[in-house]
Amino acid sequence: VTVTAPMFVDASEQGDVLPLTNTEYVTGFESRDQTGEPHAP
């Protein structure tokens, strides 16, 4: 079934809509250079 709508909410457990729609996303651990976080690698 194909569903059209003006608004979409991705509330899936693993962000399933993101790769399907080519929405930019991140996985895993960012670097300290990227975030400035003291505990980042």
PDB file of all heavy atoms in Angstrom:
ATOM      1  N   VAL A   1       0.858  -1.176   0.000  1.00  0.00           N
ATOM      2  CA  VAL A   1       0.000   0.000   0.000  1.00  0.00           C
ATOM      3  C   VAL A   1       0.899   1.232   0.000  1.00  0.00           C
ATOM      4  O   VAL A   1       1.912   1.278   0.698  1.00  0.00           O
ATOM      5  CB  VAL A   1      -0.966   0.019   1.209  1.00  0.00           C
ATOM      6  CG1 VAL A   1      -0.212   0.020   2.517  1.00  0.00           C
ATOM      7  CG2 VAL A   1      -1.902   1.225   1.136  1.00  0.00           C
ATOM      8  N   THR A   2       0.556   2.196  -0.821  1.00  0.00           N
ATOM      9  CA  THR A   2       1.308   3.448  -0.895  1.00  0.00           C
ATOM     10  C   THR A   2       0.505   4.546  -0.217  1.00  0.00           C
ATOM     11  O   THR A   2      -0.687   4.715  -0.487  1.00  0.00           O
ATOM     12  CB  THR A   2       1.579   3.823  -2.363  1.00  0.00           C
ATOM     13  OG1 THR A   2       2.409   2.814  -2.950  1.00  0.00           O
ATOM     14  CG2 THR A   2       2.292   5.167  -2.456  1.00  0.00           C
ATOM     15  N   VAL A   3       1.168   5.285   0.659  1.00  0.00           N
ATOM     16  CA  VAL A   3       0.484   6.302   1.466  1.00  0.00           C
ATOM     17  C   VAL A   3       1.116   7.655   1.198  1.00  0.00           C
ATOM     18  O   VAL A   3       2.325   7.836   1.392  1.00  0.00           O
ATOM     19  CB  VAL A   3       0.567   5.966   2.966  1.00  0.00           C
ATOM     20  CG1 VAL A   3      -0.310   6.924   3.771  1.00  0.00           C
ATOM     21  CG2 VAL A   3       0.148   4.523   3.234  1.00  0.00           C
ATOM     22  N   THR A   4       0.299   8.590   0.753  1.00  0.00           N
ATOM     23  CA  THR A   4       0.764   9.959   0.538  1.00  0.00           C
ATOM     24  C   THR A   4       0.331  10.826   1.720  1.00  0.00           C
ATOM     25  O   THR A   4      -0.698  10.574   2.351  1.00  0.00           O
ATOM     26  CB  THR A   4       0.179  10.543  -0.759  1.00  0.00           C
ATOM     27  OG1 THR A   4      -1.251  10.533  -0.674  1.00  0.00           O
ATOM     28  CG2 THR A   4       0.619   9.736  -1.962  1.00  0.00           C
ATOM     29  N   ALA A   5       1.135  11.836   2.005  1.00  0.00           N
ATOM     30  CA  ALA A   5       0.831  12.748   3.107  1.00  0.00           C
ATOM     31  C   ALA A   5       1.709  13.983   2.973  1.00  0.00           C
ATOM     32  O   ALA A   5       2.808  13.911   2.406  1.00  0.00           O
ATOM     33  CB  ALA A   5       1.075  12.079   4.460  1.00  0.00           C
ATOM     34  N   PRO A   6       1.282  15.102   3.539  1.00  0.00           N
ATOM     35  CA  PRO A   6       2.143  16.285   3.543  1.00  0.00           C
ATOM     36  C   PRO A   6       3.194  16.263   4.649  1.00  0.00           C
ATOM     37  O   PRO A   6       4.172  17.006   4.584  1.00  0.00           O
ATOM     38  CB  PRO A   6       1.150  17.434   3.754  1.00  0.00           C
ATOM     39  CG  PRO A   6      -0.029  16.815   4.424  1.00  0.00           C
ATOM     40  CD  PRO A   6      -0.112  15.410   3.940  1.00  0.00           C
ATOM     41  N   MET A   7       2.977  15.423   5.705  1.00  0.00           N
ATOM     42  CA  MET A   7       3.927  15.394   6.819  1.00  0.00           C
ATOM     43  C   MET A   7       4.213  13.948   7.205  1.00  0.00           C
ATOM     44  O   MET A   7       3.304  13.097   7.216  1.00  0.00           O
ATOM     45  CB  MET A   7       3.378  16.137   8.035  1.00  0.00           C
ATOM     46  CG  MET A   7       3.195  17.637   7.843  1.00  0.00           C
ATOM     47  SD  MET A   7       4.732  18.538   7.470  1.00  0.00           S
ATOM     48  CE  MET A   7       5.734  18.094   8.889  1.00  0.00           C
ATOM     49  N   PHE A   8       5.477  13.682   7.565  1.00  0.00           N
ATOM     50  CA  PHE A   8       5.921  12.338   7.961  1.00  0.00           C
ATOM     51  C   PHE A   8       6.707  12.434   9.259  1.00  0.00           C
ATOM     52  O   PHE A   8       7.503  13.361   9.448  1.00  0.00           O
ATOM     53  CB  PHE A   8       6.805  11.726   6.872  1.00  0.00           C
ATOM     54  CG  PHE A   8       6.068  11.443   5.590  1.00  0.00           C
ATOM     55  CD1 PHE A   8       5.863  12.462   4.658  1.00  0.00           C
ATOM     56  CD2 PHE A   8       5.573  10.181   5.312  1.00  0.00           C
ATOM     57  CE1 PHE A   8       5.178  12.222   3.476  1.00  0.00           C
ATOM     58  CE2 PHE A   8       4.895   9.923   4.137  1.00  0.00           C
ATOM     59  CZ  PHE A   8       4.691  10.938   3.220  1.00  0.00           C
ATOM     60  N   VAL A   9       6.494  11.456  10.136  1.00  0.00           N
ATOM     61  CA  VAL A   9       7.241  11.349  11.395  1.00  0.00           C
ATOM     62  C   VAL A   9       7.925  10.000  11.414  1.00  0.00           C
ATOM     63  O   VAL A   9       7.270   8.960  11.275  1.00  0.00           O
ATOM     64  CB  VAL A   9       6.315  11.497  12.619  1.00  0.00           C
ATOM     65  CG1 VAL A   9       7.107  11.253  13.910  1.00  0.00           C
ATOM     66  CG2 VAL A   9       5.658  12.867  12.645  1.00  0.00           C
ATOM     67  N   ASP A  10       9.247   9.984  11.572  1.00  0.00           N
ATOM     68  CA  ASP A  10       9.988   8.727  11.719  1.00  0.00           C
ATOM     69  C   ASP A  10      10.144   8.442  13.205  1.00  0.00           C
ATOM     70  O   ASP A  10      10.973   9.041  13.887  1.00  0.00           O
ATOM     71  CB  ASP A  10      11.357   8.835  11.051  1.00  0.00           C
ATOM     72  CG  ASP A  10      12.124   7.507  11.080  1.00  0.00           C
ATOM     73  OD1 ASP A  10      11.646   6.558  11.724  1.00  0.00           O
ATOM     74  OD2 ASP A  10      13.197   7.430  10.454  1.00  0.00           O
ATOM     75  N   ALA A  11       9.317   7.518  13.708  1.00  0.00           N
ATOM     76  CA  ALA A  11       9.385   7.099  15.108  1.00  0.00           C
ATOM     77  C   ALA A  11       9.805   5.638  15.199  1.00  0.00           C
ATOM     78  O   ALA A  11       9.495   4.957  16.170  1.00  0.00           O
ATOM     79  CB  ALA A  11       8.037   7.305  15.791  1.00  0.00           C
ATOM     80  N   SER A  12      10.517   5.151  14.187  1.00  0.00           N
ATOM     81  CA  SER A  12      10.968   3.764  14.174  1.00  0.00           C
ATOM     82  C   SER A  12      12.151   3.567  15.109  1.00  0.00           C
ATOM     83  O   SER A  12      12.830   4.525  15.489  1.00  0.00           O
ATOM     84  CB  SER A  12      11.339   3.346  12.749  1.00  0.00           C
ATOM     85  OG  SER A  12      12.408   4.155  12.269  1.00  0.00           O
ATOM     86  N   GLU A  13      12.406   2.332  15.458  1.00  0.00           N
ATOM     87  CA  GLU A  13      13.437   2.035  16.448  1.00  0.00           C
ATOM     88  C   GLU A  13      14.847   2.338  15.941  1.00  0.00           C
ATOM     89  O   GLU A  13      15.740   2.616  16.735  1.00  0.00           O
ATOM     90  CB  GLU A  13      13.351   0.570  16.879  1.00  0.00           C
ATOM     91  CG  GLU A  13      12.085   0.214  17.644  1.00  0.00           C
ATOM     92  CD  GLU A  13      11.971   0.974  18.954  1.00  0.00           C
ATOM     93  OE1 GLU A  13      13.001   1.206  19.610  1.00  0.00           O
ATOM     94  OE2 GLU A  13      10.836   1.339  19.319  1.00  0.00           O
ATOM     95  N   GLN A  14      15.052   2.256  14.636  1.00  0.00           N
ATOM     96  CA  GLN A  14      16.406   2.462  14.105  1.00  0.00           C
ATOM     97  C   GLN A  14      16.449   3.511  12.995  1.00  0.00           C
ATOM     98  O   GLN A  14      17.365   3.498  12.181  1.00  0.00           O
ATOM     99  CB  GLN A  14      16.977   1.134  13.593  1.00  0.00           C
ATOM    100  CG  GLN A  14      17.163   0.101  14.694  1.00  0.00           C
ATOM    101  CD  GLN A  14      17.995  -1.083  14.242  1.00  0.00           C
ATOM    102  OE1 GLN A  14      19.196  -1.160  14.536  1.00  0.00           O
ATOM    103  NE2 GLN A  14      17.378  -1.993  13.532  1.00  0.00           N
ATOM    104  N   GLY A  15      15.488   4.428  12.986  1.00  0.00           N
ATOM    105  CA  GLY A  15      15.496   5.465  11.968  1.00  0.00           C
ATOM    106  C   GLY A  15      15.343   4.910  10.569  1.00  0.00           C
ATOM    107  O   GLY A  15      16.068   5.289   9.642  1.00  0.00           O
ATOM    108  N   ASP A  16      14.358   4.019  10.389  1.00  0.00           N
ATOM    109  CA  ASP A  16      14.224   3.295   9.122  1.00  0.00           C
ATOM    110  C   ASP A  16      13.903   4.191   7.931  1.00  0.00           C
ATOM    111  O   ASP A  16      14.230   3.862   6.785  1.00  0.00           O
ATOM    112  CB  ASP A  16      13.119   2.241   9.251  1.00  0.00           C
ATOM    113  CG  ASP A  16      13.446   1.174  10.282  1.00  0.00           C
ATOM    114  OD1 ASP A  16      14.644   1.019  10.598  1.00  0.00           O
ATOM    115  OD2 ASP A  16      12.514   0.507  10.763  1.00  0.00           O
ATOM    116  N   VAL A  17      13.239   5.321   8.174  1.00  0.00           N
ATOM    117  CA  VAL A  17      12.856   6.195   7.058  1.00  0.00           C
ATOM    118  C   VAL A  17      14.065   6.929   6.492  1.00  0.00           C
ATOM    119  O   VAL A  17      14.064   7.314   5.315  1.00  0.00           O
ATOM    120  CB  VAL A  17      11.777   7.200   7.526  1.00  0.00           C
ATOM    121  CG1 VAL A  17      11.399   8.169   6.408  1.00  0.00           C
ATOM    122  CG2 VAL A  17      10.534   6.455   8.014  1.00  0.00           C
ATOM    123  N   LEU A  18      15.095   7.096   7.268  1.00  0.00           N
ATOM    124  CA  LEU A  18      16.226   7.931   6.853  1.00  0.00           C
ATOM    125  C   LEU A  18      16.938   7.378   5.621  1.00  0.00           C
ATOM    126  O   LEU A  18      17.122   8.102   4.637  1.00  0.00           O
ATOM    127  CB  LEU A  18      17.182   8.143   8.023  1.00  0.00           C
ATOM    128  CG  LEU A  18      16.537   8.694   9.310  1.00  0.00           C
ATOM    129  CD1 LEU A  18      17.596   8.920  10.375  1.00  0.00           C
ATOM    130  CD2 LEU A  18      15.757   9.973   9.034  1.00  0.00           C
ATOM    131  N   PRO A  19      17.370   6.110   5.607  1.00  0.00           N
ATOM    132  CA  PRO A  19      18.022   5.619   4.390  1.00  0.00           C
ATOM    133  C   PRO A  19      17.060   5.503   3.209  1.00  0.00           C
ATOM    134  O   PRO A  19      17.473   5.682   2.060  1.00  0.00           O
ATOM    135  CB  PRO A  19      18.579   4.253   4.799  1.00  0.00           C
ATOM    136  CG  PRO A  19      17.776   3.834   5.979  1.00  0.00           C
ATOM    137  CD  PRO A  19      17.427   5.104   6.689  1.00  0.00           C
ATOM    138  N   LEU A  20      15.783   5.206   3.483  1.00  0.00           N
ATOM    139  CA  LEU A  20      14.815   5.087   2.389  1.00  0.00           C
ATOM    140  C   LEU A  20      14.636   6.408   1.651  1.00  0.00           C
ATOM    141  O   LEU A  20      14.410   6.426   0.442  1.00  0.00           O
ATOM    142  CB  LEU A  20      13.457   4.647   2.940  1.00  0.00           C
ATOM    143  CG  LEU A  20      13.248   3.164   3.233  1.00  0.00           C
ATOM    144  CD1 LEU A  20      11.851   2.940   3.786  1.00  0.00           C
ATOM    145  CD2 LEU A  20      13.452   2.318   1.987  1.00  0.00           C
ATOM    146  N   THR A  21      14.709   7.522   2.375  1.00  0.00           N
ATOM    147  CA  THR A  21      14.446   8.844   1.797  1.00  0.00           C
ATOM    148  C   THR A  21      15.717   9.630   1.506  1.00  0.00           C
ATOM    149  O   THR A  21      15.651  10.800   1.128  1.00  0.00           O
ATOM    150  CB  THR A  21      13.566   9.662   2.758  1.00  0.00           C
ATOM    151  OG1 THR A  21      14.231   9.757   4.035  1.00  0.00           O
ATOM    152  CG2 THR A  21      12.206   9.002   2.947  1.00  0.00           C
ATOM    153  N   ASN A  22      16.880   8.982   1.708  1.00  0.00           N
ATOM    154  CA  ASN A  22      18.170   9.650   1.515  1.00  0.00           C
ATOM    155  C   ASN A  22      18.317  10.874   2.422  1.00  0.00           C
ATOM    156  O   ASN A  22      18.974  11.856   2.056  1.00  0.00           O
ATOM    157  CB  ASN A  22      18.378  10.045   0.051  1.00  0.00           C
ATOM    158  CG  ASN A  22      18.529   8.855  -0.864  1.00  0.00           C
ATOM    159  OD1 ASN A  22      19.202   7.875  -0.517  1.00  0.00           O
ATOM    160  ND2 ASN A  22      17.893   8.891  -2.019  1.00  0.00           N
ATOM    161  N   THR A  23      17.692  10.800   3.586  1.00  0.00           N
ATOM    162  CA  THR A  23      17.883  11.849   4.587  1.00  0.00           C
ATOM    163  C   THR A  23      19.235  11.656   5.256  1.00  0.00           C
ATOM    164  O   THR A  23      19.593  10.540   5.640  1.00  0.00           O
ATOM    165  CB  THR A  23      16.760  11.795   5.633  1.00  0.00           C
ATOM    166  OG1 THR A  23      15.502  11.978   4.978  1.00  0.00           O
ATOM    167  CG2 THR A  23      16.946  12.856   6.694  1.00  0.00           C
ATOM    168  N   GLU A  24      19.988  12.730   5.399  1.00  0.00           N
ATOM    169  CA  GLU A  24      21.321  12.622   5.983  1.00  0.00           C
ATOM    170  C   GLU A  24      21.235  12.185   7.447  1.00  0.00           C
ATOM    171  O   GLU A  24      20.424  12.707   8.218  1.00  0.00           O
ATOM    172  CB  GLU A  24      22.042  13.969   5.878  1.00  0.00           C
ATOM    173  CG  GLU A  24      22.374  14.388   4.456  1.00  0.00           C
ATOM    174  CD  GLU A  24      21.206  14.982   3.682  1.00  0.00           C
ATOM    175  OE1 GLU A  24      20.114  15.143   4.278  1.00  0.00           O
ATOM    176  OE2 GLU A  24      21.372  15.270   2.491  1.00  0.00           O
ATOM    177  N   TYR A  25      22.078  11.231   7.816  1.00  0.00           N
ATOM    178  CA  TYR A  25      22.063  10.738   9.191  1.00  0.00           C
ATOM    179  C   TYR A  25      23.453  10.289   9.621  1.00  0.00           C
ATOM    180  O   TYR A  25      24.368  10.157   8.800  1.00  0.00           O
ATOM    181  CB  TYR A  25      21.052   9.592   9.354  1.00  0.00           C
ATOM    182  CG  TYR A  25      21.378   8.328   8.576  1.00  0.00           C
ATOM    183  CD1 TYR A  25      22.201   7.333   9.110  1.00  0.00           C
ATOM    184  CD2 TYR A  25      20.834   8.111   7.315  1.00  0.00           C
ATOM    185  CE1 TYR A  25      22.470   6.170   8.412  1.00  0.00           C
ATOM    186  CE2 TYR A  25      21.100   6.951   6.601  1.00  0.00           C
ATOM    187  CZ  TYR A  25      21.925   5.979   7.148  1.00  0.00           C
ATOM    188  OH  TYR A  25      22.204   4.828   6.441  1.00  0.00           O
ATOM    189  N   VAL A  26      23.578  10.061  10.916  1.00  0.00           N
ATOM    190  CA  VAL A  26      24.835   9.658  11.533  1.00  0.00           C
ATOM    191  C   VAL A  26      24.612   8.345  12.272  1.00  0.00           C
ATOM    192  O   VAL A  26      23.530   8.100  12.815  1.00  0.00           O
ATOM    193  CB  VAL A  26      25.317  10.728  12.545  1.00  0.00           C
ATOM    194  CG1 VAL A  26      26.609  10.305  13.233  1.00  0.00           C
ATOM    195  CG2 VAL A  26      25.499  12.069  11.843  1.00  0.00           C
ATOM    196  N   THR A  27      25.614   7.494  12.312  1.00  0.00           N
ATOM    197  CA  THR A  27      25.602   6.322  13.192  1.00  0.00           C
ATOM    198  C   THR A  27      26.889   6.300  14.004  1.00  0.00           C
ATOM    199  O   THR A  27      27.905   6.870  13.607  1.00  0.00           O
ATOM    200  CB  THR A  27      25.498   5.000  12.402  1.00  0.00           C
ATOM    201  OG1 THR A  27      26.653   4.853  11.566  1.00  0.00           O
ATOM    202  CG2 THR A  27      24.227   4.956  11.567  1.00  0.00           C
ATOM    203  N   GLY A  28      26.823   5.661  15.153  1.00  0.00           N
ATOM    204  CA  GLY A  28      28.018   5.421  15.943  1.00  0.00           C
ATOM    205  C   GLY A  28      28.599   6.653  16.603  1.00  0.00           C
ATOM    206  O   GLY A  28      27.893   7.623  16.902  1.00  0.00           O
ATOM    207  N   PHE A  29      29.898   6.627  16.815  1.00  0.00           N
ATOM    208  CA  PHE A  29      30.615   7.600  17.632  1.00  0.00           C
ATOM    209  C   PHE A  29      31.223   8.694  16.756  1.00  0.00           C
ATOM    210  O   PHE A  29      31.995   8.419  15.835  1.00  0.00           O
ATOM    211  CB  PHE A  29      31.731   6.890  18.389  1.00  0.00           C
ATOM    212  CG  PHE A  29      31.928   7.348  19.810  1.00  0.00           C
ATOM    213  CD1 PHE A  29      32.389   6.455  20.776  1.00  0.00           C
ATOM    214  CD2 PHE A  29      31.681   8.652  20.195  1.00  0.00           C
ATOM    215  CE1 PHE A  29      32.571   6.852  22.094  1.00  0.00           C
ATOM    216  CE2 PHE A  29      31.867   9.060  21.504  1.00  0.00           C
ATOM    217  CZ  PHE A  29      32.321   8.158  22.463  1.00  0.00           C
ATOM    218  N   GLU A  30      30.871   9.943  17.027  1.00  0.00           N
ATOM    219  CA  GLU A  30      31.516  11.076  16.348  1.00  0.00           C
ATOM    220  C   GLU A  30      32.905  11.317  16.953  1.00  0.00           C
ATOM    221  O   GLU A  30      33.194  10.908  18.078  1.00  0.00           O
ATOM    222  CB  GLU A  30      30.672  12.345  16.499  1.00  0.00           C
ATOM    223  CG  GLU A  30      29.288  12.248  15.892  1.00  0.00           C
ATOM    224  CD  GLU A  30      28.245  11.712  16.840  1.00  0.00           C
ATOM    225  OE1 GLU A  30      28.617  11.135  17.906  1.00  0.00           O
ATOM    226  OE2 GLU A  30      27.045  11.828  16.531  1.00  0.00           O
ATOM    227  N   SER A  31      33.744  12.012  16.224  1.00  0.00           N
ATOM    228  CA  SER A  31      35.083  12.321  16.728  1.00  0.00           C
ATOM    229  C   SER A  31      35.048  13.586  17.584  1.00  0.00           C
ATOM    230  O   SER A  31      34.107  14.385  17.507  1.00  0.00           O
ATOM    231  CB  SER A  31      36.053  12.525  15.566  1.00  0.00           C
ATOM    232  OG  SER A  31      35.779  13.745  14.898  1.00  0.00           O
ATOM    233  N   ARG A  32      36.099  13.779  18.353  1.00  0.00           N
ATOM    234  CA  ARG A  32      36.214  14.982  19.184  1.00  0.00           C
ATOM    235  C   ARG A  32      36.310  16.235  18.318  1.00  0.00           C
ATOM    236  O   ARG A  32      35.786  17.292  18.666  1.00  0.00           O
ATOM    237  CB  ARG A  32      37.417  14.873  20.115  1.00  0.00           C
ATOM    238  CG  ARG A  32      37.461  15.964  21.196  1.00  0.00           C
ATOM    239  CD  ARG A  32      38.629  15.779  22.149  1.00  0.00           C
ATOM    240  NE  ARG A  32      38.548  14.503  22.851  1.00  0.00           N
ATOM    241  CZ  ARG A  32      39.400  13.487  22.679  1.00  0.00           C
ATOM    242  NH1 ARG A  32      40.403  13.611  21.815  1.00  0.00           N
ATOM    243  NH2 ARG A  32      39.268  12.374  23.350  1.00  0.00           N
ATOM    244  N   ASP A  33      36.938  16.123  17.157  1.00  0.00           N
ATOM    245  CA  ASP A  33      37.015  17.269  16.254  1.00  0.00           C
ATOM    246  C   ASP A  33      35.634  17.678  15.757  1.00  0.00           C
ATOM    247  O   ASP A  33      35.369  18.867  15.539  1.00  0.00           O
ATOM    248  CB  ASP A  33      37.907  16.938  15.058  1.00  0.00           C
ATOM    249  CG  ASP A  33      39.395  16.959  15.410  1.00  0.00           C
ATOM    250  OD1 ASP A  33      39.741  17.511  16.472  1.00  0.00           O
ATOM    251  OD2 ASP A  33      40.186  16.426  14.618  1.00  0.00           O
ATOM    252  N   GLN A  34      34.752  16.712  15.581  1.00  0.00           N
ATOM    253  CA  GLN A  34      33.413  17.008  15.067  1.00  0.00           C
ATOM    254  C   GLN A  34      32.527  17.664  16.118  1.00  0.00           C
ATOM    255  O   GLN A  34      31.718  18.540  15.801  1.00  0.00           O
ATOM    256  CB  GLN A  34      32.740  15.722  14.579  1.00  0.00           C
ATOM    257  CG  GLN A  34      33.351  15.139  13.312  1.00  0.00           C
ATOM    258  CD  GLN A  34      32.764  13.779  12.969  1.00  0.00           C
ATOM    259  OE1 GLN A  34      32.665  12.889  13.818  1.00  0.00           O
ATOM    260  NE2 GLN A  34      32.363  13.617  11.715  1.00  0.00           N
ATOM    261  N   THR A  35      32.641  17.237  17.375  1.00  0.00           N
ATOM    262  CA  THR A  35      31.682  17.656  18.405  1.00  0.00           C
ATOM    263  C   THR A  35      32.300  18.453  19.547  1.00  0.00           C
ATOM    264  O   THR A  35      31.586  19.135  20.280  1.00  0.00           O
ATOM    265  CB  THR A  35      30.987  16.433  19.007  1.00  0.00           C
ATOM    266  OG1 THR A  35      31.951  15.644  19.748  1.00  0.00           O
ATOM    267  CG2 THR A  35      30.339  15.575  17.938  1.00  0.00           C
ATOM    268  N   GLY A  36      33.614  18.347  19.739  1.00  0.00           N
ATOM    269  CA  GLY A  36      34.252  18.988  20.887  1.00  0.00           C
ATOM    270  C   GLY A  36      33.947  18.304  22.203  1.00  0.00           C
ATOM    271  O   GLY A  36      34.306  18.827  23.272  1.00  0.00           O
ATOM    272  N   GLU A  37      33.345  17.128  22.169  1.00  0.00           N
ATOM    273  CA  GLU A  37      32.964  16.438  23.409  1.00  0.00           C
ATOM    274  C   GLU A  37      34.191  15.830  24.090  1.00  0.00           C
ATOM    275  O   GLU A  37      34.986  15.133  23.439  1.00  0.00           O
ATOM    276  CB  GLU A  37      31.937  15.348  23.110  1.00  0.00           C
ATOM    277  CG  GLU A  37      30.611  15.896  22.613  1.00  0.00           C
ATOM    278  CD  GLU A  37      29.668  14.798  22.158  1.00  0.00           C
ATOM    279  OE1 GLU A  37      30.081  13.991  21.298  1.00  0.00           O
ATOM    280  OE2 GLU A  37      28.530  14.752  22.655  1.00  0.00           O
ATOM    281  N   PRO A  38      34.346  16.048  25.387  1.00  0.00           N
ATOM    282  CA  PRO A  38      35.540  15.541  26.084  1.00  0.00           C
ATOM    283  C   PRO A  38      35.690  14.028  26.013  1.00  0.00           C
ATOM    284  O   PRO A  38      36.816  13.523  25.994  1.00  0.00           O
ATOM    285  CB  PRO A  38      35.316  16.003  27.525  1.00  0.00           C
ATOM    286  CG  PRO A  38      34.420  17.184  27.420  1.00  0.00           C
ATOM    287  CD  PRO A  38      33.528  16.910  26.251  1.00  0.00           C
ATOM    288  N   HIS A  39      34.561  13.291  25.989  1.00  0.00           N
ATOM    289  CA  HIS A  39      34.641  11.829  25.990  1.00  0.00           C
ATOM    290  C   HIS A  39      34.610  11.227  24.587  1.00  0.00           C
ATOM    291  O   HIS A  39      34.589   9.997  24.448  1.00  0.00           O
ATOM    292  CB  HIS A  39      33.502  11.241  26.827  1.00  0.00           C
ATOM    293  CG  HIS A  39      33.684  11.412  28.294  1.00  0.00           C
ATOM    294  ND1 HIS A  39      33.372  12.587  28.957  1.00  0.00           N
ATOM    295  CD2 HIS A  39      34.158  10.573  29.244  1.00  0.00           C
ATOM    296  CE1 HIS A  39      33.626  12.456  30.243  1.00  0.00           C
ATOM    297  NE2 HIS A  39      34.111  11.250  30.446  1.00  0.00           N
ATOM    298  N   ALA A  40      34.607  12.054  23.544  1.00  0.00           N
ATOM    299  CA  ALA A  40      34.612  11.535  22.179  1.00  0.00           C
ATOM    300  C   ALA A  40      36.018  11.077  21.802  1.00  0.00           C
ATOM    301  O   ALA A  40      37.013  11.584  22.318  1.00  0.00           O
ATOM    302  CB  ALA A  40      34.120  12.603  21.208  1.00  0.00           C
ATOM    303  N   PRO A  41      36.133  10.115  20.888  1.00  0.00           N
ATOM    304  CA  PRO A  41      37.451   9.616  20.471  1.00  0.00           C
ATOM    305  C   PRO A  41      38.103  10.542  19.449  1.00  0.00           C
ATOM    306  O   PRO A  41      37.468  11.458  18.903  1.00  0.00           O
ATOM    307  CB  PRO A  41      37.107   8.266  19.840  1.00  0.00           C
ATOM    308  CG  PRO A  41      35.734   8.463  19.281  1.00  0.00           C
ATOM    309  CD  PRO A  41      35.024   9.392  20.239  1.00  0.00           C
TER     310      PRO A  41
END
